[in-house]
Amino acid sequence: MSSTSLSICIPTYNFGKFIGETLESIVCQLTDDAEIVVLDGASTDNTSDIVRQFQANCPNLRYHRLDKRGGIDRDIAKSIELANGEYCWLFSSDDVMRKGAIAKILSQIKHGHDLYLCKHTNCTLDMKFVSEHPVLRSNEAVEFNLTNQSDRQRYFELAITTESFFSFLGGIIIKKSKWDSVPINEMFVGSCWGHAARIFELISTGLTVKYLAEPLLDRRGDNDSFADKGVVNRYRIAIDGYHKIGDVFFGHKSYEAYHIRRVIRHEFDLRTFLEAKVLCWKNPSREDKSVLDSLFRKAYNDNYLLYNLYYFIYMFSPNLLLYAAKRTCARIKGYDYDTGS
């Protein structure tokens, strides 16, 4: 067994503006049996300089820089491959770890579950608190064996957001030997959900999960690296990706795939689609309305009368009316909808 109990694995690319604050929140909590592994996907900014400054005073921080970008799915896998810890805590390079979080995780992993799932808070870009992000419908820590059908169905029923399905890196602490027991699934490389697919693949061979019903990190908002090609494309990544996960691992008509689709509809509700429709109208060169239409049909493809009504509202609501309503709501809240300020 490794003498290192916990590796905080941080894949990064061009986050030099934020990674210093991330590392500062972690380094001060490190113990002899915990380490940081930064996997740099060939950043072109000052990420390397920032990390090496911390490395000079922190022997438990290891930095590995790739010669070229591997993509988020391969970079996550590589960061865990480089880790020495018995457990790996996947962590984003712009979020902030809460005080005492490492001590709490070191205490938890002594119980030996395959995966621990924690909550986080949502913050603004400058890290002002906004809300606590929901994951499961439980206010207490609870354990599940996802290989057991009844346990798995109970878990899927309690899911509120895709974070319960391992979408968010910072919420996942996984046993390295369990992760290593299956290879990266090439079917999901490039989807941005390679790590989630790998975890789902473990269910067939045995996967115990403990949900920790408390936030252990603060998530930086307005800095979604998946949204660099527009809002509609960001929706596509989530909706196509999680529909595929449900269909591949459980079958489209399964109980589990249904609940994955339910959670997707919770995250991408009618209002979300109507707002995206306005964005397509305002900026058609960046936001593709035809893609958005297909995503709506996919998200609401379960045969319920209510969803037929949603489709009618989505398709036939006038863009100008939606835009005016959004501007009015923004003005009431005290900001300019067009500039976001």
C-alpha atoms as a PDB file:
ATOM      1  CA  MET A   1       0.000   0.000   0.000  1.00  0.00           C
ATOM      2  CA  SER A   2       1.233   3.497  -0.857  1.00  0.00           C
ATOM      3  CA  SER A   3       2.446   5.660   2.024  1.00  0.00           C
ATOM      4  CA  THR A   4       0.518   8.484   0.376  1.00  0.00           C
ATOM      5  CA  SER A   5      -3.155   8.285   1.302  1.00  0.00           C
ATOM      6  CA  LEU A   6      -4.507  11.084  -0.874  1.00  0.00           C
ATOM      7  CA  SER A   7      -3.483  12.706  -4.141  1.00  0.00           C
ATOM      8  CA  ILE A   8      -5.196  15.916  -5.210  1.00  0.00           C
ATOM      9  CA  CYS A   9      -5.089  15.605  -9.004  1.00  0.00           C
ATOM     10  CA  ILE A  10      -5.376  18.871 -10.919  1.00  0.00           C
ATOM     11  CA  PRO A  11      -5.500  18.765 -14.722  1.00  0.00           C
ATOM     12  CA  THR A  12      -5.130  22.289 -16.088  1.00  0.00           C
ATOM     13  CA  TYR A  13      -4.759  24.317 -19.246  1.00  0.00           C
ATOM     14  CA  ASN A  14      -4.173  28.085 -19.330  1.00  0.00           C
ATOM     15  CA  PHE A  15      -5.564  28.731 -15.842  1.00  0.00           C
ATOM     16  CA  GLY A  16      -2.563  30.731 -14.635  1.00  0.00           C
ATOM     17  CA  LYS A  17      -4.929  33.509 -13.572  1.00  0.00           C
ATOM     18  CA  PHE A  18      -6.626  31.247 -11.030  1.00  0.00           C
ATOM     19  CA  ILE A  19      -4.441  28.261 -10.187  1.00  0.00           C
ATOM     20  CA  GLY A  20      -2.420  30.190  -7.607  1.00  0.00           C
ATOM     21  CA  GLU A  21      -5.508  30.724  -5.454  1.00  0.00           C
ATOM     22  CA  THR A  22      -6.426  27.060  -5.890  1.00  0.00           C
ATOM     23  CA  LEU A  23      -2.990  25.839  -4.817  1.00  0.00           C
ATOM     24  CA  GLU A  24      -2.860  28.282  -1.913  1.00  0.00           C
ATOM     25  CA  SER A  25      -6.093  26.822  -0.529  1.00  0.00           C
ATOM     26  CA  ILE A  26      -4.682  23.283  -0.718  1.00  0.00           C
ATOM     27  CA  VAL A  27      -0.990  23.633   0.193  1.00  0.00           C
ATOM     28  CA  CYS A  28      -1.774  25.029   3.642  1.00  0.00           C
ATOM     29  CA  GLN A  29      -3.752  21.856   4.421  1.00  0.00           C
ATOM     30  CA  LEU A  30      -1.297  19.241   3.164  1.00  0.00           C
ATOM     31  CA  THR A  31      -0.030  16.564   5.525  1.00  0.00           C
ATOM     32  CA  ASP A  32       2.779  14.061   5.022  1.00  0.00           C
ATOM     33  CA  ASP A  33       0.343  11.510   3.572  1.00  0.00           C
ATOM     34  CA  ALA A  34      -1.211  13.881   1.011  1.00  0.00           C
ATOM     35  CA  GLU A  35       0.179  15.283  -2.233  1.00  0.00           C
ATOM     36  CA  ILE A  36      -0.772  17.526  -5.139  1.00  0.00           C
ATOM     37  CA  VAL A  37      -0.305  16.396  -8.744  1.00  0.00           C
ATOM     38  CA  VAL A  38      -0.665  19.130 -11.368  1.00  0.00           C
ATOM     39  CA  LEU A  39      -0.978  17.878 -14.954  1.00  0.00           C
ATOM     40  CA  ASP A  40      -0.475  20.791 -17.335  1.00  0.00           C
ATOM     41  CA  GLY A  41      -1.842  20.201 -20.833  1.00  0.00           C
ATOM     42  CA  ALA A  42       0.811  22.390 -22.501  1.00  0.00           C
ATOM     43  CA  SER A  43      -0.451  25.761 -21.241  1.00  0.00           C
ATOM     44  CA  THR A  44       0.638  28.815 -23.210  1.00  0.00           C
ATOM     45  CA  ASP A  45       0.126  31.283 -20.344  1.00  0.00           C
ATOM     46  CA  ASN A  46       2.017  31.634 -17.047  1.00  0.00           C
ATOM     47  CA  THR A  47       0.597  28.469 -15.455  1.00  0.00           C
ATOM     48  CA  SER A  48       4.056  26.849 -15.323  1.00  0.00           C
ATOM     49  CA  ASP A  49       5.617  29.840 -13.519  1.00  0.00           C
ATOM     50  CA  ILE A  50       2.834  29.979 -10.930  1.00  0.00           C
ATOM     51  CA  VAL A  51       2.965  26.248 -10.154  1.00  0.00           C
ATOM     52  CA  ARG A  52       6.752  26.184  -9.898  1.00  0.00           C
ATOM     53  CA  GLN A  53       6.676  29.038  -7.395  1.00  0.00           C
ATOM     54  CA  PHE A  54       4.515  26.901  -5.126  1.00  0.00           C
ATOM     55  CA  GLN A  55       6.580  23.804  -5.865  1.00  0.00           C
ATOM     56  CA  ALA A  56       9.739  25.490  -4.594  1.00  0.00           C
ATOM     57  CA  ASN A  57       8.244  25.583  -1.081  1.00  0.00           C
ATOM     58  CA  CYS A  58       6.092  22.460  -1.202  1.00  0.00           C
ATOM     59  CA  PRO A  59       7.875  19.117  -1.661  1.00  0.00           C
ATOM     60  CA  ASN A  60       4.518  17.332  -1.833  1.00  0.00           C
ATOM     61  CA  LEU A  61       3.564  19.195  -5.008  1.00  0.00           C
ATOM     62  CA  ARG A  62       4.512  17.449  -8.261  1.00  0.00           C
ATOM     63  CA  TYR A  63       4.216  19.173 -11.626  1.00  0.00           C
ATOM     64  CA  HIS A  64       4.089  17.407 -14.980  1.00  0.00           C
ATOM     65  CA  ARG A  65       3.845  19.389 -18.196  1.00  0.00           C
ATOM     66  CA  LEU A  66       2.756  17.758 -21.456  1.00  0.00           C
ATOM     67  CA  ASP A  67       4.393  18.628 -24.766  1.00  0.00           C
ATOM     68  CA  LYS A  68       0.995  19.063 -26.414  1.00  0.00           C
ATOM     69  CA  ARG A  69      -2.664  19.193 -25.431  1.00  0.00           C
ATOM     70  CA  GLY A  70      -4.208  15.812 -24.781  1.00  0.00           C
ATOM     71  CA  GLY A  71      -7.777  17.015 -24.157  1.00  0.00           C
ATOM     72  CA  ILE A  72      -9.595  17.005 -20.831  1.00  0.00           C
ATOM     73  CA  ASP A  73     -10.517  13.298 -20.897  1.00  0.00           C
ATOM     74  CA  ARG A  74      -6.938  12.100 -21.409  1.00  0.00           C
ATOM     75  CA  ASP A  75      -5.518  14.757 -19.080  1.00  0.00           C
ATOM     76  CA  ILE A  76      -7.739  13.632 -16.205  1.00  0.00           C
ATOM     77  CA  ALA A  77      -6.688  10.029 -16.773  1.00  0.00           C
ATOM     78  CA  LYS A  78      -3.016  11.027 -16.964  1.00  0.00           C
ATOM     79  CA  SER A  79      -3.177  13.028 -13.729  1.00  0.00           C
ATOM     80  CA  ILE A  80      -4.458   9.949 -11.879  1.00  0.00           C
ATOM     81  CA  GLU A  81      -1.876   7.740 -13.588  1.00  0.00           C
ATOM     82  CA  LEU A  82       0.868   9.961 -12.127  1.00  0.00           C
ATOM     83  CA  ALA A  83      -0.612   9.936  -8.615  1.00  0.00           C
ATOM     84  CA  ASN A  84       0.942   8.019  -5.714  1.00  0.00           C
ATOM     85  CA  GLY A  85      -2.074   8.164  -3.440  1.00  0.00           C
ATOM     86  CA  GLU A  86      -4.379   5.354  -2.433  1.00  0.00           C
ATOM     87  CA  TYR A  87      -7.215   7.768  -3.254  1.00  0.00           C
ATOM     88  CA  CYS A  88      -7.345  10.547  -5.842  1.00  0.00           C
ATOM     89  CA  TRP A  89      -9.354  13.718  -5.397  1.00  0.00           C
ATOM     90  CA  LEU A  90     -10.025  15.196  -8.821  1.00  0.00           C
ATOM     91  CA  PHE A  91      -9.868  18.970  -8.583  1.00  0.00           C
ATOM     92  CA  SER A  92     -10.401  21.897 -10.935  1.00  0.00           C
ATOM     93  CA  SER A  93      -7.609  24.451 -11.244  1.00  0.00           C
ATOM     94  CA  ASP A  94      -9.824  27.472 -10.581  1.00  0.00           C
ATOM     95  CA  ASP A  95     -11.802  26.293  -7.526  1.00  0.00           C
ATOM     96  CA  VAL A  96     -10.935  26.822  -3.862  1.00  0.00           C
ATOM     97  CA  MET A  97     -10.718  24.064  -1.268  1.00  0.00           C
ATOM     98  CA  ARG A  98     -12.448  24.809   2.028  1.00  0.00           C
ATOM     99  CA  LYS A  99     -10.501  24.819   5.275  1.00  0.00           C
ATOM    100  CA  GLY A 100     -10.274  21.411   6.912  1.00  0.00           C
ATOM    101  CA  ALA A 101     -11.359  19.571   3.756  1.00  0.00           C
ATOM    102  CA  ILE A 102      -8.265  17.372   3.442  1.00  0.00           C
ATOM    103  CA  ALA A 103      -8.483  16.310   7.088  1.00  0.00           C
ATOM    104  CA  LYS A 104     -12.143  15.358   6.569  1.00  0.00           C
ATOM    105  CA  ILE A 105     -11.367  13.296   3.483  1.00  0.00           C
ATOM    106  CA  LEU A 106      -8.387  11.563   5.132  1.00  0.00           C
ATOM    107  CA  SER A 107     -10.722  10.570   7.935  1.00  0.00           C
ATOM    108  CA  GLN A 108     -13.425   9.351   5.547  1.00  0.00           C
ATOM    109  CA  ILE A 109     -11.239   7.225   3.276  1.00  0.00           C
ATOM    110  CA  LYS A 110     -10.228   5.063   6.221  1.00  0.00           C
ATOM    111  CA  HIS A 111     -13.630   3.402   5.790  1.00  0.00           C
ATOM    112  CA  GLY A 112     -12.538   2.096   2.395  1.00  0.00           C
ATOM    113  CA  HIS A 113     -15.392   2.986   0.056  1.00  0.00           C
ATOM    114  CA  ASP A 114     -14.562   3.023  -3.644  1.00  0.00           C
ATOM    115  CA  LEU A 115     -15.752   6.573  -4.217  1.00  0.00           C
ATOM    116  CA  TYR A 116     -16.668   9.576  -2.081  1.00  0.00           C
ATOM    117  CA  LEU A 117     -18.844  12.360  -3.449  1.00  0.00           C
ATOM    118  CA  CYS A 118     -18.884  15.794  -1.824  1.00  0.00           C
ATOM    119  CA  LYS A 119     -20.862  18.976  -2.388  1.00  0.00           C
ATOM    120  CA  HIS A 120     -19.654  22.458  -3.289  1.00  0.00           C
ATOM    121  CA  THR A 121     -20.838  26.040  -3.204  1.00  0.00           C
ATOM    122  CA  ASN A 122     -21.421  28.191  -6.274  1.00  0.00           C
ATOM    123  CA  CYS A 123     -19.546  31.490  -6.348  1.00  0.00           C
ATOM    124  CA  THR A 124     -19.051  34.409  -8.697  1.00  0.00           C
ATOM    125  CA  LEU A 125     -15.904  34.820 -10.770  1.00  0.00           C
ATOM    126  CA  ASP A 126     -14.312  36.712  -7.872  1.00  0.00           C
ATOM    127  CA  MET A 127     -15.386  33.975  -5.434  1.00  0.00           C
ATOM    128  CA  LYS A 128     -18.321  35.648  -3.703  1.00  0.00           C
ATOM    129  CA  PHE A 129     -20.789  33.095  -2.352  1.00  0.00           C
ATOM    130  CA  VAL A 130     -23.995  32.601  -4.361  1.00  0.00           C
ATOM    131  CA  SER A 131     -25.528  29.295  -3.276  1.00  0.00           C
ATOM    132  CA  GLU A 132     -24.928  25.729  -2.157  1.00  0.00           C
ATOM    133  CA  HIS A 133     -25.172  23.358  -5.106  1.00  0.00           C
ATOM    134  CA  PRO A 134     -27.580  20.405  -4.781  1.00  0.00           C
ATOM    135  CA  VAL A 135     -26.415  16.884  -5.617  1.00  0.00           C
ATOM    136  CA  LEU A 136     -28.651  14.277  -3.960  1.00  0.00           C
ATOM    137  CA  ARG A 137     -31.926  14.627  -2.084  1.00  0.00           C
ATOM    138  CA  SER A 138     -30.299  13.941   1.273  1.00  0.00           C
ATOM    139  CA  ASN A 139     -29.102  16.228   4.043  1.00  0.00           C
ATOM    140  CA  GLU A 140     -27.091  13.475   5.674  1.00  0.00           C
ATOM    141  CA  ALA A 141     -24.167  11.313   4.609  1.00  0.00           C
ATOM    142  CA  VAL A 142     -25.440   8.119   2.997  1.00  0.00           C
ATOM    143  CA  GLU A 143     -23.815   5.017   1.492  1.00  0.00           C
ATOM    144  CA  PHE A 144     -24.723   3.080  -1.653  1.00  0.00           C
ATOM    145  CA  ASN A 145     -23.576  -0.060  -3.430  1.00  0.00           C
ATOM    146  CA  LEU A 146     -24.298   0.848  -7.045  1.00  0.00           C
ATOM    147  CA  THR A 147     -23.804  -2.744  -8.157  1.00  0.00           C
ATOM    148  CA  ASN A 148     -26.876  -3.695  -6.149  1.00  0.00           C
ATOM    149  CA  GLN A 149     -29.972  -2.951  -8.252  1.00  0.00           C
ATOM    150  CA  SER A 150     -32.196  -1.661  -5.448  1.00  0.00           C
ATOM    151  CA  ASP A 151     -29.408   0.493  -4.042  1.00  0.00           C
ATOM    152  CA  ARG A 152     -28.632   1.837  -7.509  1.00  0.00           C
ATOM    153  CA  GLN A 153     -32.258   2.664  -8.235  1.00  0.00           C
ATOM    154  CA  ARG A 154     -32.554   4.465  -4.903  1.00  0.00           C
ATOM    155  CA  TYR A 155     -29.428   6.474  -5.741  1.00  0.00           C
ATOM    156  CA  PHE A 156     -30.767   7.446  -9.180  1.00  0.00           C
ATOM    157  CA  GLU A 157     -34.118   8.438  -7.677  1.00  0.00           C
ATOM    158  CA  LEU A 158     -32.357  10.776  -5.221  1.00  0.00           C
ATOM    159  CA  ALA A 159     -30.275  12.454  -7.944  1.00  0.00           C
ATOM    160  CA  ILE A 160     -30.971  16.175  -8.405  1.00  0.00           C
ATOM    161  CA  THR A 161     -28.159  17.253 -10.722  1.00  0.00           C
ATOM    162  CA  THR A 162     -25.629  15.528 -12.991  1.00  0.00           C
ATOM    163  CA  GLU A 163     -23.084  15.920 -10.203  1.00  0.00           C
ATOM    164  CA  SER A 164     -24.693  12.831  -8.696  1.00  0.00           C
ATOM    165  CA  PHE A 165     -23.602  11.178 -11.949  1.00  0.00           C
ATOM    166  CA  PHE A 166     -20.003  12.369 -11.479  1.00  0.00           C
ATOM    167  CA  SER A 167     -20.011  15.321 -13.877  1.00  0.00           C
ATOM    168  CA  PHE A 168     -18.109  17.711 -11.597  1.00  0.00           C
ATOM    169  CA  LEU A 169     -14.433  16.915 -11.050  1.00  0.00           C
ATOM    170  CA  GLY A 170     -14.060  18.597  -7.668  1.00  0.00           C
ATOM    171  CA  GLY A 171     -16.741  16.440  -6.077  1.00  0.00           C
ATOM    172  CA  ILE A 172     -15.034  13.101  -6.800  1.00  0.00           C
ATOM    173  CA  ILE A 173     -12.596  11.257  -4.538  1.00  0.00           C
ATOM    174  CA  ILE A 174     -11.941   7.780  -5.933  1.00  0.00           C
ATOM    175  CA  LYS A 175      -9.818   4.803  -4.933  1.00  0.00           C
ATOM    176  CA  LYS A 176      -6.953   4.647  -7.416  1.00  0.00           C
ATOM    177  CA  SER A 177      -6.856   0.842  -7.598  1.00  0.00           C
ATOM    178  CA  LYS A 178     -10.556   0.835  -8.492  1.00  0.00           C
ATOM    179  CA  TRP A 179     -10.057   3.514 -11.176  1.00  0.00           C
ATOM    180  CA  ASP A 180      -7.085   1.601 -12.599  1.00  0.00           C
ATOM    181  CA  SER A 181      -9.101  -1.627 -12.852  1.00  0.00           C
ATOM    182  CA  VAL A 182     -10.654  -0.477 -16.155  1.00  0.00           C
ATOM    183  CA  PRO A 183      -8.941   1.369 -19.033  1.00  0.00           C
ATOM    184  CA  ILE A 184     -10.042   4.651 -20.499  1.00  0.00           C
ATOM    185  CA  ASN A 185     -13.111   4.141 -22.683  1.00  0.00           C
ATOM    186  CA  GLU A 186     -12.215   5.440 -26.141  1.00  0.00           C
ATOM    187  CA  MET A 187     -15.916   5.755 -26.987  1.00  0.00           C
ATOM    188  CA  PHE A 188     -16.099   8.737 -24.607  1.00  0.00           C
ATOM    189  CA  VAL A 189     -12.737  10.383 -25.300  1.00  0.00           C
ATOM    190  CA  GLY A 190     -13.496  13.850 -26.598  1.00  0.00           C
ATOM    191  CA  SER A 191     -16.925  13.975 -24.961  1.00  0.00           C
ATOM    192  CA  CYS A 192     -15.646  15.734 -21.788  1.00  0.00           C
ATOM    193  CA  TRP A 193     -17.245  12.898 -19.773  1.00  0.00           C
ATOM    194  CA  GLY A 194     -14.531  10.249 -20.084  1.00  0.00           C
ATOM    195  CA  HIS A 195     -14.069  10.256 -16.309  1.00  0.00           C
ATOM    196  CA  ALA A 196     -17.801   9.817 -15.642  1.00  0.00           C
ATOM    197  CA  ALA A 197     -18.062   6.998 -18.187  1.00  0.00           C
ATOM    198  CA  ARG A 198     -15.118   5.252 -16.544  1.00  0.00           C
ATOM    199  CA  ILE A 199     -16.845   5.405 -13.169  1.00  0.00           C
ATOM    200  CA  PHE A 200     -20.105   4.061 -14.616  1.00  0.00           C
ATOM    201  CA  GLU A 201     -18.145   1.226 -16.182  1.00  0.00           C
ATOM    202  CA  LEU A 202     -17.004   0.211 -12.686  1.00  0.00           C
ATOM    203  CA  ILE A 203     -20.568  -0.460 -11.550  1.00  0.00           C
ATOM    204  CA  SER A 204     -20.626  -3.903 -13.164  1.00  0.00           C
ATOM    205  CA  THR A 205     -17.624  -5.086 -11.119  1.00  0.00           C
ATOM    206  CA  GLY A 206     -18.602  -3.449  -7.841  1.00  0.00           C
ATOM    207  CA  LEU A 207     -18.740   0.216  -6.835  1.00  0.00           C
ATOM    208  CA  THR A 208     -19.485   1.535  -3.362  1.00  0.00           C
ATOM    209  CA  VAL A 209     -20.215   5.244  -3.039  1.00  0.00           C
ATOM    210  CA  LYS A 210     -20.483   7.409   0.044  1.00  0.00           C
ATOM    211  CA  TYR A 211     -22.182  10.753  -0.390  1.00  0.00           C
ATOM    212  CA  LEU A 212     -20.844  13.422   1.939  1.00  0.00           C
ATOM    213  CA  ALA A 213     -23.665  15.905   2.386  1.00  0.00           C
ATOM    214  CA  GLU A 214     -21.463  18.935   2.979  1.00  0.00           C
ATOM    215  CA  PRO A 215     -19.547  21.334   0.708  1.00  0.00           C
ATOM    216  CA  LEU A 216     -15.768  20.878   0.770  1.00  0.00           C
ATOM    217  CA  LEU A 217     -14.910  23.387  -1.952  1.00  0.00           C
ATOM    218  CA  ASP A 218     -16.060  26.655  -3.468  1.00  0.00           C
ATOM    219  CA  ARG A 219     -16.618  26.573  -7.218  1.00  0.00           C
ATOM    220  CA  ARG A 220     -15.683  29.600  -9.298  1.00  0.00           C
ATOM    221  CA  GLY A 221     -18.547  30.685 -11.540  1.00  0.00           C
ATOM    222  CA  ASP A 222     -18.574  32.341 -14.965  1.00  0.00           C
ATOM    223  CA  ASN A 223     -15.448  30.426 -15.942  1.00  0.00           C
ATOM    224  CA  ASP A 224     -16.732  27.280 -17.646  1.00  0.00           C
ATOM    225  CA  SER A 225     -13.984  25.975 -19.921  1.00  0.00           C
ATOM    226  CA  PHE A 226     -16.567  23.821 -21.750  1.00  0.00           C
ATOM    227  CA  ALA A 227     -18.415  26.966 -22.901  1.00  0.00           C
ATOM    228  CA  ASP A 228     -15.652  28.419 -25.073  1.00  0.00           C
ATOM    229  CA  LYS A 229     -17.600  27.636 -28.262  1.00  0.00           C
ATOM    230  CA  GLY A 230     -20.898  29.091 -27.134  1.00  0.00           C
ATOM    231  CA  VAL A 231     -23.852  28.323 -24.912  1.00  0.00           C
ATOM    232  CA  VAL A 232     -25.598  25.959 -27.322  1.00  0.00           C
ATOM    233  CA  ASN A 233     -22.452  23.881 -27.747  1.00  0.00           C
ATOM    234  CA  ARG A 234     -22.107  23.732 -23.942  1.00  0.00           C
ATOM    235  CA  TYR A 235     -25.657  22.401 -23.733  1.00  0.00           C
ATOM    236  CA  ARG A 236     -24.823  19.880 -26.461  1.00  0.00           C
ATOM    237  CA  ILE A 237     -21.853  18.565 -24.471  1.00  0.00           C
ATOM    238  CA  ALA A 238     -24.047  17.887 -21.441  1.00  0.00           C
ATOM    239  CA  ILE A 239     -27.240  16.660 -23.118  1.00  0.00           C
ATOM    240  CA  ASP A 240     -25.650  14.474 -25.805  1.00  0.00           C
ATOM    241  CA  GLY A 241     -22.996  13.226 -23.393  1.00  0.00           C
ATOM    242  CA  TYR A 242     -25.320  12.130 -20.615  1.00  0.00           C
ATOM    243  CA  HIS A 243     -27.941  10.658 -22.933  1.00  0.00           C
ATOM    244  CA  LYS A 244     -25.141   8.566 -24.417  1.00  0.00           C
ATOM    245  CA  ILE A 245     -23.928   7.475 -20.965  1.00  0.00           C
ATOM    246  CA  GLY A 246     -27.441   6.384 -19.999  1.00  0.00           C
ATOM    247  CA  ASP A 247     -28.015   4.481 -23.235  1.00  0.00           C
ATOM    248  CA  VAL A 248     -24.586   2.788 -23.368  1.00  0.00           C
ATOM    249  CA  PHE A 249     -24.393   1.593 -19.779  1.00  0.00           C
ATOM    250  CA  PHE A 250     -28.048   0.876 -18.998  1.00  0.00           C
ATOM    251  CA  GLY A 251     -30.076   0.961 -22.223  1.00  0.00           C
ATOM    252  CA  HIS A 252     -32.389   3.749 -23.346  1.00  0.00           C
ATOM    253  CA  LYS A 253     -35.514   2.191 -21.812  1.00  0.00           C
ATOM    254  CA  SER A 254     -33.886   1.422 -18.469  1.00  0.00           C
ATOM    255  CA  TYR A 255     -34.892   2.895 -15.123  1.00  0.00           C
ATOM    256  CA  GLU A 256     -31.424   4.420 -14.773  1.00  0.00           C
ATOM    257  CA  ALA A 257     -31.382   6.074 -18.208  1.00  0.00           C
ATOM    258  CA  TYR A 258     -34.807   7.563 -17.521  1.00  0.00           C
ATOM    259  CA  HIS A 259     -33.540   9.215 -14.334  1.00  0.00           C
ATOM    260  CA  ILE A 260     -30.467  10.521 -16.122  1.00  0.00           C
ATOM    261  CA  ARG A 261     -32.816  12.163 -18.641  1.00  0.00           C
ATOM    262  CA  ARG A 262     -34.962  13.470 -15.786  1.00  0.00           C
ATOM    263  CA  VAL A 263     -31.941  15.143 -14.218  1.00  0.00           C
ATOM    264  CA  ILE A 264     -30.930  16.619 -17.578  1.00  0.00           C
ATOM    265  CA  ARG A 265     -34.411  18.142 -17.874  1.00  0.00           C
ATOM    266  CA  HIS A 266     -34.010  19.567 -14.374  1.00  0.00           C
ATOM    267  CA  GLU A 267     -30.742  21.245 -15.349  1.00  0.00           C
ATOM    268  CA  PHE A 268     -31.990  22.312 -18.787  1.00  0.00           C
ATOM    269  CA  ASP A 269     -35.566  23.307 -18.113  1.00  0.00           C
ATOM    270  CA  LEU A 270     -37.934  25.142 -20.448  1.00  0.00           C
ATOM    271  CA  ARG A 271     -36.772  28.567 -19.314  1.00  0.00           C
ATOM    272  CA  THR A 272     -33.159  27.635 -19.973  1.00  0.00           C
ATOM    273  CA  PHE A 273     -34.018  26.663 -23.540  1.00  0.00           C
ATOM    274  CA  LEU A 274     -36.064  29.824 -24.104  1.00  0.00           C
ATOM    275  CA  GLU A 275     -33.140  31.963 -22.947  1.00  0.00           C
ATOM    276  CA  ALA A 276     -30.820  30.061 -25.279  1.00  0.00           C
ATOM    277  CA  LYS A 277     -33.302  30.620 -28.096  1.00  0.00           C
ATOM    278  CA  VAL A 278     -32.945  34.372 -27.562  1.00  0.00           C
ATOM    279  CA  LEU A 279     -29.159  34.037 -27.679  1.00  0.00           C
ATOM    280  CA  CYS A 280     -29.448  32.270 -31.032  1.00  0.00           C
ATOM    281  CA  TRP A 281     -31.598  35.130 -32.300  1.00  0.00           C
ATOM    282  CA  LYS A 282     -29.181  37.782 -31.020  1.00  0.00           C
ATOM    283  CA  ASN A 283     -25.972  36.073 -32.122  1.00  0.00           C
ATOM    284  CA  PRO A 284     -26.670  33.535 -34.889  1.00  0.00           C
ATOM    285  CA  SER A 285     -23.008  33.422 -35.976  1.00  0.00           C
ATOM    286  CA  ARG A 286     -22.050  31.915 -32.582  1.00  0.00           C
ATOM    287  CA  GLU A 287     -25.206  30.122 -31.415  1.00  0.00           C
ATOM    288  CA  ASP A 288     -26.782  27.485 -33.700  1.00  0.00           C
ATOM    289  CA  LYS A 289     -30.578  27.439 -33.469  1.00  0.00           C
ATOM    290  CA  SER A 290     -30.899  24.167 -35.404  1.00  0.00           C
ATOM    291  CA  VAL A 291     -28.636  22.428 -32.887  1.00  0.00           C
ATOM    292  CA  LEU A 292     -30.630  23.916 -30.016  1.00  0.00           C
ATOM    293  CA  ASP A 293     -33.869  22.637 -31.583  1.00  0.00           C
ATOM    294  CA  SER A 294     -32.458  19.109 -31.819  1.00  0.00           C
ATOM    295  CA  LEU A 295     -31.254  19.277 -28.217  1.00  0.00           C
ATOM    296  CA  PHE A 296     -34.701  20.303 -27.037  1.00  0.00           C
ATOM    297  CA  ARG A 297     -36.282  17.380 -28.870  1.00  0.00           C
ATOM    298  CA  LYS A 298     -33.736  15.007 -27.355  1.00  0.00           C
ATOM    299  CA  ALA A 299     -34.089  16.341 -23.809  1.00  0.00           C
ATOM    300  CA  TYR A 300     -37.888  16.154 -23.932  1.00  0.00           C
ATOM    301  CA  ASN A 301     -38.298  12.978 -25.976  1.00  0.00           C
ATOM    302  CA  ASP A 302     -40.059  11.015 -23.231  1.00  0.00           C
ATOM    303  CA  ASN A 303     -43.695  10.754 -24.250  1.00  0.00           C
ATOM    304  CA  TYR A 304     -45.542  12.983 -21.788  1.00  0.00           C
ATOM    305  CA  LEU A 305     -48.344  15.405 -22.677  1.00  0.00           C
ATOM    306  CA  LEU A 306     -46.669  18.201 -20.705  1.00  0.00           C
ATOM    307  CA  TYR A 307     -43.556  17.940 -22.873  1.00  0.00           C
ATOM    308  CA  ASN A 308     -45.691  18.404 -25.985  1.00  0.00           C
ATOM    309  CA  LEU A 309     -46.900  21.663 -24.457  1.00  0.00           C
ATOM    310  CA  TYR A 310     -43.301  22.665 -23.685  1.00  0.00           C
ATOM    311  CA  TYR A 311     -42.357  21.978 -27.292  1.00  0.00           C
ATOM    312  CA  PHE A 312     -45.170  24.193 -28.550  1.00  0.00           C
ATOM    313  CA  ILE A 313     -44.112  27.026 -26.215  1.00  0.00           C
ATOM    314  CA  TYR A 314     -40.465  26.647 -27.208  1.00  0.00           C
ATOM    315  CA  MET A 315     -41.091  26.546 -30.938  1.00  0.00           C
ATOM    316  CA  PHE A 316     -43.686  29.315 -31.211  1.00  0.00           C
ATOM    317  CA  SER A 317     -42.737  31.868 -28.539  1.00  0.00           C
ATOM    318  CA  PRO A 318     -41.720  35.066 -30.409  1.00  0.00           C
ATOM    319  CA  ASN A 319     -38.045  35.917 -29.981  1.00  0.00           C
ATOM    320  CA  LEU A 320     -38.723  39.617 -29.579  1.00  0.00           C
ATOM    321  CA  LEU A 321     -41.226  38.976 -26.797  1.00  0.00           C
ATOM    322  CA  LEU A 322     -38.793  36.657 -24.975  1.00  0.00           C
ATOM    323  CA  TYR A 323     -36.024  39.223 -25.357  1.00  0.00           C
ATOM    324  CA  ALA A 324     -38.191  42.026 -23.985  1.00  0.00           C
ATOM    325  CA  ALA A 325     -39.247  39.889 -21.013  1.00  0.00           C
ATOM    326  CA  LYS A 326     -35.641  39.006 -20.240  1.00  0.00           C
ATOM    327  CA  ARG A 327     -34.533  42.642 -20.403  1.00  0.00           C
ATOM    328  CA  THR A 328     -37.385  43.687 -18.109  1.00  0.00           C
ATOM    329  CA  CYS A 329     -36.511  41.014 -15.524  1.00  0.00           C
ATOM    330  CA  ALA A 330     -32.855  42.020 -15.671  1.00  0.00           C
ATOM    331  CA  ARG A 331     -33.740  45.694 -15.162  1.00  0.00           C
ATOM    332  CA  ILE A 332     -35.818  44.806 -12.087  1.00  0.00           C
ATOM    333  CA  LYS A 333     -32.826  42.911 -10.689  1.00  0.00           C
ATOM    334  CA  GLY A 334     -30.569  45.888 -11.334  1.00  0.00           C
ATOM    335  CA  TYR A 335     -28.365  44.872 -14.254  1.00  0.00           C
ATOM    336  CA  ASP A 336     -28.170  45.302 -18.003  1.00  0.00           C
ATOM    337  CA  TYR A 337     -29.155  42.102 -19.842  1.00  0.00           C
ATOM    338  CA  ASP A 338     -27.258  42.994 -23.013  1.00  0.00           C
ATOM    339  CA  THR A 339     -23.926  43.682 -21.307  1.00  0.00           C
ATOM    340  CA  GLY A 340     -24.341  41.436 -18.260  1.00  0.00           C
ATOM    341  CA  SER A 341     -23.279  44.306 -15.967  1.00  0.00           C
END
